[in-house]
Protein backbone atom coordinates (compact mmCIF):
# COMPACT_ATOMS: atom_id res chain seq x y z
CA MET A 1 -16.23 -22.09 23.41
CA THR A 2 -18.99 -22.84 20.92
CA ARG A 3 -22.41 -21.41 20.94
CA SER A 4 -25.45 -23.49 20.16
CA THR A 5 -28.97 -22.41 19.29
CA ARG A 6 -31.98 -24.56 19.83
CA ILE A 7 -35.01 -23.97 17.62
CA THR A 8 -38.26 -25.59 18.53
CA ILE A 9 -41.13 -25.67 16.05
CA ASP A 10 -44.61 -26.58 17.32
CA THR A 11 -47.12 -27.67 14.75
CA ASP A 12 -50.79 -28.51 14.93
CA SER A 13 -52.86 -30.42 12.44
CA LEU A 14 -56.57 -30.75 12.02
CA LEU A 15 -58.35 -33.49 10.08
CA ILE A 16 -62.02 -32.92 9.44
CA LEU A 17 -63.95 -35.92 8.17
CA ARG A 18 -67.21 -35.26 6.51
CA GLY A 19 -69.66 -38.04 6.22
CA CYS A 20 -73.22 -39.16 6.75
CA THR A 21 -73.08 -38.23 10.44
CA SER A 22 -72.49 -34.52 9.74
CA ALA A 23 -74.95 -31.86 8.71
CA ARG A 24 -74.89 -28.11 8.13
CA THR A 25 -77.55 -26.61 10.38
CA TRP A 26 -78.30 -23.72 12.72
CA CYS A 27 -76.51 -23.58 16.07
CA ALA A 28 -78.24 -21.44 18.68
CA GLY A 29 -75.03 -21.16 20.73
CA CYS A 30 -73.06 -19.75 17.81
CA ALA A 31 -76.07 -17.92 16.35
CA GLU A 32 -75.11 -19.05 12.84
CA GLU A 33 -75.25 -22.03 10.50
CA VAL A 34 -72.47 -24.43 11.32
CA GLU A 35 -71.34 -28.00 10.70
CA MET A 36 -72.86 -30.36 13.27
CA ILE A 37 -71.76 -33.94 13.90
CA ALA A 38 -73.67 -36.76 15.51
CA LEU A 39 -72.95 -37.21 19.22
CA GLU A 40 -72.03 -40.83 18.62
CA SER A 41 -69.20 -39.73 16.29
CA ILE A 42 -67.42 -37.40 18.77
CA GLU A 43 -65.51 -40.08 20.68
CA ILE A 44 -64.16 -41.46 17.40
CA LEU A 45 -63.14 -38.07 16.02
CA SER A 46 -61.74 -36.50 19.14
CA ASN A 47 -60.41 -39.36 21.31
CA LEU A 48 -62.36 -37.96 24.19
CA LEU A 49 -62.88 -40.22 27.12
CA PRO A 50 -66.54 -40.90 27.94
CA HIS A 51 -66.38 -39.05 31.30
CA GLU A 52 -64.77 -36.04 29.62
CA LEU A 53 -67.49 -35.91 26.96
CA LYS A 54 -70.19 -36.20 29.67
CA GLU A 55 -68.60 -33.34 31.67
CA TRP A 56 -68.43 -31.08 28.60
CA LEU A 57 -72.00 -31.83 27.67
CA ASN A 58 -73.23 -31.16 31.19
CA SER A 59 -71.20 -27.95 31.49
CA GLY A 60 -72.69 -26.50 28.30
CA ALA A 61 -69.22 -26.22 26.72
CA LEU A 62 -70.54 -28.07 23.67
CA HIS A 63 -73.45 -26.60 21.73
CA ARG A 64 -76.01 -29.24 20.83
CA SER A 65 -79.30 -29.71 19.07
CA GLN A 66 -81.54 -32.54 18.01
CA THR A 67 -82.88 -33.53 14.61
CA PRO A 68 -86.59 -34.23 14.17
CA GLY A 69 -85.59 -37.91 13.98
CA GLY A 70 -84.12 -37.72 17.47
CA VAL A 71 -80.39 -37.76 16.59
CA GLU A 72 -78.38 -35.53 18.93
CA LEU A 73 -75.99 -33.24 17.11
CA ILE A 74 -72.94 -31.35 18.44
CA CYS A 75 -71.63 -28.11 17.00
CA LEU A 76 -68.22 -28.72 15.43
CA ASN A 77 -67.11 -25.13 16.23
CA SER A 78 -67.79 -25.58 19.96
CA LEU A 79 -66.05 -29.00 19.95
CA LEU A 80 -62.95 -27.58 18.19
CA ALA A 81 -62.84 -24.60 20.52
CA ARG A 82 -63.08 -26.86 23.54
CA LEU A 83 -60.42 -29.20 22.20
CA GLY A 84 -58.21 -26.22 21.54
CA ASN A 85 -58.46 -25.19 25.19
CA GLY A 86 -57.14 -28.57 26.37
CA ARG A 87 -58.79 -31.14 28.57
CA THR A 88 -58.96 -29.12 31.78
CA ASN A 89 -62.04 -27.27 32.97
């Protein structure tokens, strides 16, 4: 009779891309200066489906602000926190 042991290792990885669509600015939801990314970049970076993104925006789960030029920005901290909680509400 042989014994066997199964070891499972879960790993997570995070890739943060910084580019012209990101900015360091004040987030009222976090009450601190954070990295913000353009709303148009979220689907590319997170693989969110359009209806999921709309639900998260409408629920207030994602902190957002707008530049004087009219570009809508999303708080990277709130996005990462929401992605970490999975895709269920």
